[in-house]
Amino acid sequence: MTKNIPYHVAIIMDGNGRWAEKKNLPRLRGHEIGGERVEEIIRAAPGYGVRYLTLYAFSKENWQRPPKEVSFLMDLLSHYLDHKLKEMMKNNVRFNAIGRLTDLPETIQKKITRGMNETKNNTGLVTTFAFSYSSRLEITEACRKMALEAAQGKLNPESIDEKTVSDHLYTAGLPDPDLLIRTSGEMRISNFLLWQISYTELYVTDKYWPEFTEEEFAKAVEAYQKRERRFGRTAPLEKV
């Protein structure tokens, strides 16, 4: 089906640890396999017409996990940034990152900046990773920026509209997601893109993230294509 394409897909990648525990494997192994699924979906997404892919990689709350697990995740991220940049360049992928990036180790911040700079002219899939991300914090920081600009006389409070707010978010310049996928069967948004998903279609699967293969991605896209997006409008009345 080539109609009703979800041009921007956001994914809450959940269930690495639970998948590993179910398989009697260390939780850290779940994160390793989860990283492989990230690569698979990035490679597959353009084939379904997707132009933007936003991945919830590490939340602000994830810093509260056991230090050993956090350290492993940072090492995994560092390795990913070291070894996948060439593949992104080869596949014309543009790498992007959002969140409180200053929370990350300085070495990783530099690698993120390098990745964004080196791929900025790529014209293919825009892949955005959310690191140390909190949507409530994002909105709070946007309010602070607007308040400061208003105090400095650079912004008229009366002129603030939805576009003004969007332009002050981490995601400024990106379209709102058409489809939000959540793995592991959890029925919640988990503080992800709260402003941006106002009219986004939701798709929840019981599959843990390490099980979310291209085949599962295709199912999510197909489910989206069968829906009618109304944006708050009612469907037209059928003629009798």
C-alpha atoms as a PDB file:
ATOM      1  CA  MET A   1       0.000   0.000   0.000  1.00  0.00           C
ATOM      2  CA  THR A   2       1.522   3.292  -1.106  1.00  0.00           C
ATOM      3  CA  LYS A   3      -1.157   5.617   0.265  1.00  0.00           C
ATOM      4  CA  ASN A   4      -1.468   7.021   3.783  1.00  0.00           C
ATOM      5  CA  ILE A   5       2.236   6.707   4.536  1.00  0.00           C
ATOM      6  CA  PRO A   6       3.455   7.546   8.065  1.00  0.00           C
ATOM      7  CA  TYR A   7       6.231   9.929   7.049  1.00  0.00           C
ATOM      8  CA  HIS A   8       7.341  10.418  10.651  1.00  0.00           C
ATOM      9  CA  VAL A   9       7.427   7.392  12.945  1.00  0.00           C
ATOM     10  CA  ALA A  10       8.380   7.697  16.617  1.00  0.00           C
ATOM     11  CA  ILE A  11       9.165   4.620  18.696  1.00  0.00           C
ATOM     12  CA  ILE A  12       9.257   3.998  22.438  1.00  0.00           C
ATOM     13  CA  MET A  13      11.755   1.126  22.493  1.00  0.00           C
ATOM     14  CA  ASP A  14      10.736  -0.766  25.620  1.00  0.00           C
ATOM     15  CA  GLY A  15      11.406  -4.205  27.052  1.00  0.00           C
ATOM     16  CA  ASN A  16      15.108  -4.954  26.591  1.00  0.00           C
ATOM     17  CA  GLY A  17      15.580  -6.031  30.208  1.00  0.00           C
ATOM     18  CA  ARG A  18      12.364  -8.034  30.439  1.00  0.00           C
ATOM     19  CA  TRP A  19      13.153  -9.832  27.191  1.00  0.00           C
ATOM     20  CA  ALA A  20      16.545 -10.836  28.556  1.00  0.00           C
ATOM     21  CA  GLU A  21      15.095 -12.016  31.865  1.00  0.00           C
ATOM     22  CA  LYS A  22      12.498 -14.060  30.020  1.00  0.00           C
ATOM     23  CA  LYS A  23      15.336 -15.736  28.108  1.00  0.00           C
ATOM     24  CA  ASN A  24      17.373 -16.224  31.313  1.00  0.00           C
ATOM     25  CA  LEU A  25      20.001 -13.865  29.950  1.00  0.00           C
ATOM     26  CA  PRO A  26      21.704 -10.878  31.637  1.00  0.00           C
ATOM     27  CA  ARG A  27      19.720  -7.645  31.256  1.00  0.00           C
ATOM     28  CA  LEU A  28      22.703  -6.113  29.500  1.00  0.00           C
ATOM     29  CA  ARG A  29      22.370  -8.693  26.720  1.00  0.00           C
ATOM     30  CA  GLY A  30      18.878  -7.359  26.092  1.00  0.00           C
ATOM     31  CA  HIS A  31      20.321  -3.901  25.441  1.00  0.00           C
ATOM     32  CA  GLU A  32      22.848  -5.367  22.988  1.00  0.00           C
ATOM     33  CA  ILE A  33      20.138  -7.097  20.979  1.00  0.00           C
ATOM     34  CA  GLY A  34      18.020  -3.957  21.231  1.00  0.00           C
ATOM     35  CA  GLY A  35      20.851  -2.065  19.550  1.00  0.00           C
ATOM     36  CA  GLU A  36      20.734  -4.532  16.662  1.00  0.00           C
ATOM     37  CA  ARG A  37      17.024  -3.873  16.243  1.00  0.00           C
ATOM     38  CA  VAL A  38      17.748  -0.127  16.050  1.00  0.00           C
ATOM     39  CA  GLU A  39      20.061  -0.745  13.110  1.00  0.00           C
ATOM     40  CA  GLU A  40      17.509  -3.028  11.433  1.00  0.00           C
ATOM     41  CA  ILE A  41      14.673  -0.517  11.668  1.00  0.00           C
ATOM     42  CA  ILE A  42      16.846   2.369  10.461  1.00  0.00           C
ATOM     43  CA  ARG A  43      17.772   0.339   7.391  1.00  0.00           C
ATOM     44  CA  ALA A  44      14.180  -0.767   6.782  1.00  0.00           C
ATOM     45  CA  ALA A  45      12.203   2.438   7.402  1.00  0.00           C
ATOM     46  CA  PRO A  46      12.931   4.236   4.095  1.00  0.00           C
ATOM     47  CA  GLY A  47      11.557   1.252   2.184  1.00  0.00           C
ATOM     48  CA  TYR A  48       8.129   1.974   3.692  1.00  0.00           C
ATOM     49  CA  GLY A  49       8.207   5.636   2.728  1.00  0.00           C
ATOM     50  CA  VAL A  50       9.256   6.837   6.197  1.00  0.00           C
ATOM     51  CA  ARG A  51      11.289  10.046   6.072  1.00  0.00           C
ATOM     52  CA  TYR A  52      11.699  10.749   9.793  1.00  0.00           C
ATOM     53  CA  LEU A  53      12.366   8.235  12.556  1.00  0.00           C
ATOM     54  CA  THR A  54      12.527   9.323  16.195  1.00  0.00           C
ATOM     55  CA  LEU A  55      13.744   6.809  18.771  1.00  0.00           C
ATOM     56  CA  TYR A  56      13.349   7.091  22.546  1.00  0.00           C
ATOM     57  CA  ALA A  57      16.813   5.807  23.423  1.00  0.00           C
ATOM     58  CA  PHE A  58      17.394   7.034  26.995  1.00  0.00           C
ATOM     59  CA  SER A  59      14.998   8.956  29.200  1.00  0.00           C
ATOM     60  CA  LYS A  60      15.847  11.492  31.872  1.00  0.00           C
ATOM     61  CA  GLU A  61      14.502   8.976  34.396  1.00  0.00           C
ATOM     62  CA  ASN A  62      16.824   6.226  33.124  1.00  0.00           C
ATOM     63  CA  TRP A  63      19.694   7.823  35.044  1.00  0.00           C
ATOM     64  CA  GLN A  64      18.079   6.307  38.161  1.00  0.00           C
ATOM     65  CA  ARG A  65      18.825   2.774  36.968  1.00  0.00           C
ATOM     66  CA  PRO A  66      21.661   0.768  38.590  1.00  0.00           C
ATOM     67  CA  PRO A  67      25.043   2.432  37.878  1.00  0.00           C
ATOM     68  CA  LYS A  68      26.371  -0.706  36.161  1.00  0.00           C
ATOM     69  CA  GLU A  69      23.466  -0.700  33.708  1.00  0.00           C
ATOM     70  CA  VAL A  70      23.763   3.035  33.015  1.00  0.00           C
ATOM     71  CA  SER A  71      27.503   2.684  32.443  1.00  0.00           C
ATOM     72  CA  PHE A  72      26.896  -0.185  30.020  1.00  0.00           C
ATOM     73  CA  LEU A  73      24.316   1.852  28.105  1.00  0.00           C
ATOM     74  CA  MET A  74      26.722   4.785  27.811  1.00  0.00           C
ATOM     75  CA  ASP A  75      29.453   2.451  26.541  1.00  0.00           C
ATOM     76  CA  LEU A  76      26.989   0.944  24.062  1.00  0.00           C
ATOM     77  CA  LEU A  77      26.041   4.410  22.850  1.00  0.00           C
ATOM     78  CA  SER A  78      29.674   5.452  22.536  1.00  0.00           C
ATOM     79  CA  HIS A  79      30.470   2.333  20.508  1.00  0.00           C
ATOM     80  CA  TYR A  80      27.433   2.901  18.296  1.00  0.00           C
ATOM     81  CA  LEU A  81      28.491   6.462  17.531  1.00  0.00           C
ATOM     82  CA  ASP A  82      32.029   5.301  16.744  1.00  0.00           C
ATOM     83  CA  HIS A  83      31.113   2.494  14.379  1.00  0.00           C
ATOM     84  CA  LYS A  84      27.795   3.382  12.716  1.00  0.00           C
ATOM     85  CA  LEU A  85      28.584   6.834  11.327  1.00  0.00           C
ATOM     86  CA  LYS A  86      30.124   5.391   8.159  1.00  0.00           C
ATOM     87  CA  GLU A  87      27.025   3.265   7.599  1.00  0.00           C
ATOM     88  CA  MET A  88      24.817   6.323   8.029  1.00  0.00           C
ATOM     89  CA  MET A  89      26.874   8.207   5.472  1.00  0.00           C
ATOM     90  CA  LYS A  90      26.710   5.259   3.074  1.00  0.00           C
ATOM     91  CA  ASN A  91      22.925   5.031   3.435  1.00  0.00           C
ATOM     92  CA  ASN A  92      22.392   8.819   3.224  1.00  0.00           C
ATOM     93  CA  VAL A  93      20.958   8.916   6.777  1.00  0.00           C
ATOM     94  CA  ARG A  94      20.969  12.178   8.700  1.00  0.00           C
ATOM     95  CA  PHE A  95      21.773  11.703  12.381  1.00  0.00           C
ATOM     96  CA  ASN A  96      20.056  13.947  14.903  1.00  0.00           C
ATOM     97  CA  ALA A  97      19.789  14.022  18.700  1.00  0.00           C
ATOM     98  CA  ILE A  98      17.426  15.727  21.143  1.00  0.00           C
ATOM     99  CA  GLY A  99      17.138  15.915  24.922  1.00  0.00           C
ATOM    100  CA  ARG A 100      19.247  17.317  27.766  1.00  0.00           C
ATOM    101  CA  LEU A 101      22.413  16.325  25.933  1.00  0.00           C
ATOM    102  CA  THR A 102      24.613  18.110  28.476  1.00  0.00           C
ATOM    103  CA  ASP A 103      23.710  15.311  30.934  1.00  0.00           C
ATOM    104  CA  LEU A 104      25.735  12.867  28.830  1.00  0.00           C
ATOM    105  CA  PRO A 105      29.472  12.261  29.296  1.00  0.00           C
ATOM    106  CA  GLU A 106      31.502  14.914  27.501  1.00  0.00           C
ATOM    107  CA  THR A 107      33.119  12.372  25.186  1.00  0.00           C
ATOM    108  CA  ILE A 108      29.683  11.232  24.001  1.00  0.00           C
ATOM    109  CA  GLN A 109      28.515  14.826  23.557  1.00  0.00           C
ATOM    110  CA  LYS A 110      31.448  15.392  21.203  1.00  0.00           C
ATOM    111  CA  LYS A 111      30.642  12.239  19.233  1.00  0.00           C
ATOM    112  CA  ILE A 112      27.009  13.309  18.897  1.00  0.00           C
ATOM    113  CA  THR A 113      28.059  16.741  17.641  1.00  0.00           C
ATOM    114  CA  ARG A 114      30.459  15.151  15.173  1.00  0.00           C
ATOM    115  CA  GLY A 115      27.783  12.772  13.906  1.00  0.00           C
ATOM    116  CA  MET A 116      25.268  15.556  13.424  1.00  0.00           C
ATOM    117  CA  ASN A 117      27.800  17.758  11.621  1.00  0.00           C
ATOM    118  CA  GLU A 118      29.104  15.033   9.320  1.00  0.00           C
ATOM    119  CA  THR A 119      25.636  13.866   8.247  1.00  0.00           C
ATOM    120  CA  LYS A 120      23.876  17.242   8.113  1.00  0.00           C
ATOM    121  CA  ASN A 121      23.912  17.367   4.322  1.00  0.00           C
ATOM    122  CA  ASN A 122      22.495  13.860   3.874  1.00  0.00           C
ATOM    123  CA  THR A 123      19.066  13.893   2.251  1.00  0.00           C
ATOM    124  CA  GLY A 124      17.688  10.504   3.280  1.00  0.00           C
ATOM    125  CA  LEU A 125      16.045   9.304   6.487  1.00  0.00           C
ATOM    126  CA  VAL A 126      16.325  11.770   9.375  1.00  0.00           C
ATOM    127  CA  THR A 127      16.987   9.598  12.419  1.00  0.00           C
ATOM    128  CA  THR A 128      16.572  11.387  15.731  1.00  0.00           C
ATOM    129  CA  PHE A 129      17.698   9.780  18.974  1.00  0.00           C
ATOM    130  CA  ALA A 130      16.235  11.094  22.227  1.00  0.00           C
ATOM    131  CA  PHE A 131      18.926  10.998  24.931  1.00  0.00           C
ATOM    132  CA  SER A 132      18.335  12.049  28.552  1.00  0.00           C
ATOM    133  CA  TYR A 133      14.936  13.132  27.264  1.00  0.00           C
ATOM    134  CA  SER A 134      11.925  14.318  29.227  1.00  0.00           C
ATOM    135  CA  SER A 135       8.987  15.883  27.435  1.00  0.00           C
ATOM    136  CA  ARG A 136       7.881  17.822  30.513  1.00  0.00           C
ATOM    137  CA  LEU A 137      11.392  19.231  30.853  1.00  0.00           C
ATOM    138  CA  GLU A 138      11.416  20.048  27.139  1.00  0.00           C
ATOM    139  CA  ILE A 139       8.186  22.039  27.470  1.00  0.00           C
ATOM    140  CA  THR A 140       9.415  23.702  30.677  1.00  0.00           C
ATOM    141  CA  GLU A 141      12.637  24.798  28.991  1.00  0.00           C
ATOM    142  CA  ALA A 142      10.657  26.111  26.008  1.00  0.00           C
ATOM    143  CA  CYS A 143       8.570  28.224  28.409  1.00  0.00           C
ATOM    144  CA  ARG A 144      11.735  29.587  30.023  1.00  0.00           C
ATOM    145  CA  LYS A 145      13.176  30.540  26.631  1.00  0.00           C
ATOM    146  CA  MET A 146       9.982  32.334  25.618  1.00  0.00           C
ATOM    147  CA  ALA A 147       9.752  34.095  28.980  1.00  0.00           C
ATOM    148  CA  LEU A 148      13.354  35.296  28.662  1.00  0.00           C
ATOM    149  CA  GLU A 149      12.797  36.506  25.101  1.00  0.00           C
ATOM    150  CA  ALA A 150       9.659  38.341  26.221  1.00  0.00           C
ATOM    151  CA  ALA A 151      11.547  39.959  29.121  1.00  0.00           C
ATOM    152  CA  GLN A 152      14.252  41.067  26.687  1.00  0.00           C
ATOM    153  CA  GLY A 153      11.653  42.556  24.361  1.00  0.00           C
ATOM    154  CA  LYS A 154      12.413  40.033  21.615  1.00  0.00           C
ATOM    155  CA  LEU A 155       9.041  38.300  21.822  1.00  0.00           C
ATOM    156  CA  ASN A 156       5.583  39.820  22.179  1.00  0.00           C
ATOM    157  CA  PRO A 157       3.582  37.599  24.566  1.00  0.00           C
ATOM    158  CA  GLU A 158       0.434  38.382  22.581  1.00  0.00           C
ATOM    159  CA  SER A 159       2.019  36.843  19.485  1.00  0.00           C
ATOM    160  CA  ILE A 160       2.770  33.477  21.073  1.00  0.00           C
ATOM    161  CA  ASP A 161       0.881  30.696  19.312  1.00  0.00           C
ATOM    162  CA  GLU A 162       1.315  26.958  18.844  1.00  0.00           C
ATOM    163  CA  LYS A 163       3.998  27.460  16.212  1.00  0.00           C
ATOM    164  CA  THR A 164       5.955  29.681  18.592  1.00  0.00           C
ATOM    165  CA  VAL A 165       5.930  26.941  21.203  1.00  0.00           C
ATOM    166  CA  SER A 166       6.902  24.273  18.653  1.00  0.00           C
ATOM    167  CA  ASP A 167       9.795  26.418  17.467  1.00  0.00           C
ATOM    168  CA  HIS A 168      11.202  26.489  21.020  1.00  0.00           C
ATOM    169  CA  LEU A 169      11.083  22.723  21.569  1.00  0.00           C
ATOM    170  CA  TYR A 170      13.978  20.307  21.042  1.00  0.00           C
ATOM    171  CA  THR A 171      12.164  19.083  17.937  1.00  0.00           C
ATOM    172  CA  ALA A 172      12.035  22.485  16.214  1.00  0.00           C
ATOM    173  CA  GLY A 173      12.204  21.931  12.471  1.00  0.00           C
ATOM    174  CA  LEU A 174      10.835  18.387  12.615  1.00  0.00           C
ATOM    175  CA  PRO A 175       7.247  17.533  11.647  1.00  0.00           C
ATOM    176  CA  ASP A 176       5.012  16.018  14.300  1.00  0.00           C
ATOM    177  CA  PRO A 177       4.941  12.189  14.272  1.00  0.00           C
ATOM    178  CA  ASP A 178       2.236  10.480  12.251  1.00  0.00           C
ATOM    179  CA  LEU A 179       2.668   7.188  14.088  1.00  0.00           C
ATOM    180  CA  LEU A 180       3.933   6.369  17.582  1.00  0.00           C
ATOM    181  CA  ILE A 181       4.909   2.753  18.212  1.00  0.00           C
ATOM    182  CA  ARG A 182       5.334   1.358  21.717  1.00  0.00           C
ATOM    183  CA  THR A 183       6.777  -2.082  22.305  1.00  0.00           C
ATOM    184  CA  SER A 184       6.363  -4.444  25.308  1.00  0.00           C
ATOM    185  CA  GLY A 185       2.601  -3.911  25.623  1.00  0.00           C
ATOM    186  CA  GLU A 186       2.765  -1.027  28.103  1.00  0.00           C
ATOM    187  CA  MET A 187      -0.192   1.336  27.615  1.00  0.00           C
ATOM    188  CA  ARG A 188       1.445   4.636  28.447  1.00  0.00           C
ATOM    189  CA  ILE A 189       3.419   7.420  26.756  1.00  0.00           C
ATOM    190  CA  SER A 190       6.207   7.629  29.368  1.00  0.00           C
ATOM    191  CA  ASN A 191       6.859  11.356  29.043  1.00  0.00           C
ATOM    192  CA  PHE A 192       7.725  11.161  25.334  1.00  0.00           C
ATOM    193  CA  LEU A 193       6.865  13.923  22.830  1.00  0.00           C
ATOM    194  CA  LEU A 194       3.771  14.987  24.769  1.00  0.00           C
ATOM    195  CA  TRP A 195       3.284  18.184  22.756  1.00  0.00           C
ATOM    196  CA  GLN A 196       4.172  16.652  19.408  1.00  0.00           C
ATOM    197  CA  ILE A 197       1.851  13.614  19.495  1.00  0.00           C
ATOM    198  CA  SER A 198      -1.418  15.486  19.998  1.00  0.00           C
ATOM    199  CA  TYR A 199      -2.927  13.868  16.886  1.00  0.00           C
ATOM    200  CA  THR A 200      -0.489  11.022  16.378  1.00  0.00           C
ATOM    201  CA  GLU A 201      -1.828   7.515  15.771  1.00  0.00           C
ATOM    202  CA  LEU A 202      -0.751   5.042  18.468  1.00  0.00           C
ATOM    203  CA  TYR A 203       0.302   1.447  17.911  1.00  0.00           C
ATOM    204  CA  VAL A 204       1.116  -0.824  20.864  1.00  0.00           C
ATOM    205  CA  THR A 205       2.592  -4.288  20.431  1.00  0.00           C
ATOM    206  CA  ASP A 206       3.259  -6.965  23.041  1.00  0.00           C
ATOM    207  CA  LYS A 207       6.609  -7.674  21.388  1.00  0.00           C
ATOM    208  CA  TYR A 208       9.623  -6.623  23.435  1.00  0.00           C
ATOM    209  CA  TRP A 209      12.009  -4.297  21.602  1.00  0.00           C
ATOM    210  CA  PRO A 210      14.588  -7.041  20.894  1.00  0.00           C
ATOM    211  CA  GLU A 211      11.759  -8.926  19.126  1.00  0.00           C
ATOM    212  CA  PHE A 212      10.681  -5.921  17.046  1.00  0.00           C
ATOM    213  CA  THR A 213      12.021  -6.919  13.641  1.00  0.00           C
ATOM    214  CA  GLU A 214      11.319  -5.369  10.248  1.00  0.00           C
ATOM    215  CA  GLU A 215       8.347  -7.725   9.973  1.00  0.00           C
ATOM    216  CA  GLU A 216       6.837  -6.209  13.121  1.00  0.00           C
ATOM    217  CA  PHE A 217       7.578  -2.715  11.825  1.00  0.00           C
ATOM    218  CA  ALA A 218       5.724  -3.578   8.615  1.00  0.00           C
ATOM    219  CA  LYS A 219       2.704  -4.667  10.683  1.00  0.00           C
ATOM    220  CA  ALA A 220       2.669  -1.306  12.479  1.00  0.00           C
ATOM    221  CA  VAL A 221       2.841   0.621   9.201  1.00  0.00           C
ATOM    222  CA  GLU A 222       0.090  -1.516   7.696  1.00  0.00           C
ATOM    223  CA  ALA A 223      -2.144  -0.935  10.729  1.00  0.00           C
ATOM    224  CA  TYR A 224      -1.590   2.810  10.381  1.00  0.00           C
ATOM    225  CA  GLN A 225      -2.466   2.753   6.691  1.00  0.00           C
ATOM    226  CA  LYS A 226      -5.841   1.198   7.451  1.00  0.00           C
ATOM    227  CA  ARG A 227      -6.829   4.044   9.778  1.00  0.00           C
ATOM    228  CA  GLU A 228      -8.555   7.320   9.040  1.00  0.00           C
ATOM    229  CA  ARG A 229      -6.912  10.291  10.735  1.00  0.00           C
ATOM    230  CA  ARG A 230      -9.533  12.863  11.751  1.00  0.00           C
ATOM    231  CA  PHE A 231      -7.559  15.497  13.700  1.00  0.00           C
ATOM    232  CA  GLY A 232     -10.537  16.140  15.975  1.00  0.00           C
ATOM    233  CA  ARG A 233     -13.037  16.251  13.124  1.00  0.00           C
ATOM    234  CA  THR A 234     -15.964  13.851  12.862  1.00  0.00           C
ATOM    235  CA  ALA A 235     -16.202  11.520   9.929  1.00  0.00           C
ATOM    236  CA  PRO A 236     -18.598  12.605   7.164  1.00  0.00           C
ATOM    237  CA  LEU A 237     -22.133  11.271   7.546  1.00  0.00           C
ATOM    238  CA  GLU A 238     -23.005   8.438   5.216  1.00  0.00           C
ATOM    239  CA  LYS A 239     -25.800   9.088   2.787  1.00  0.00           C
ATOM    240  CA  VAL A 240     -28.918   7.021   3.436  1.00  0.00           C
END
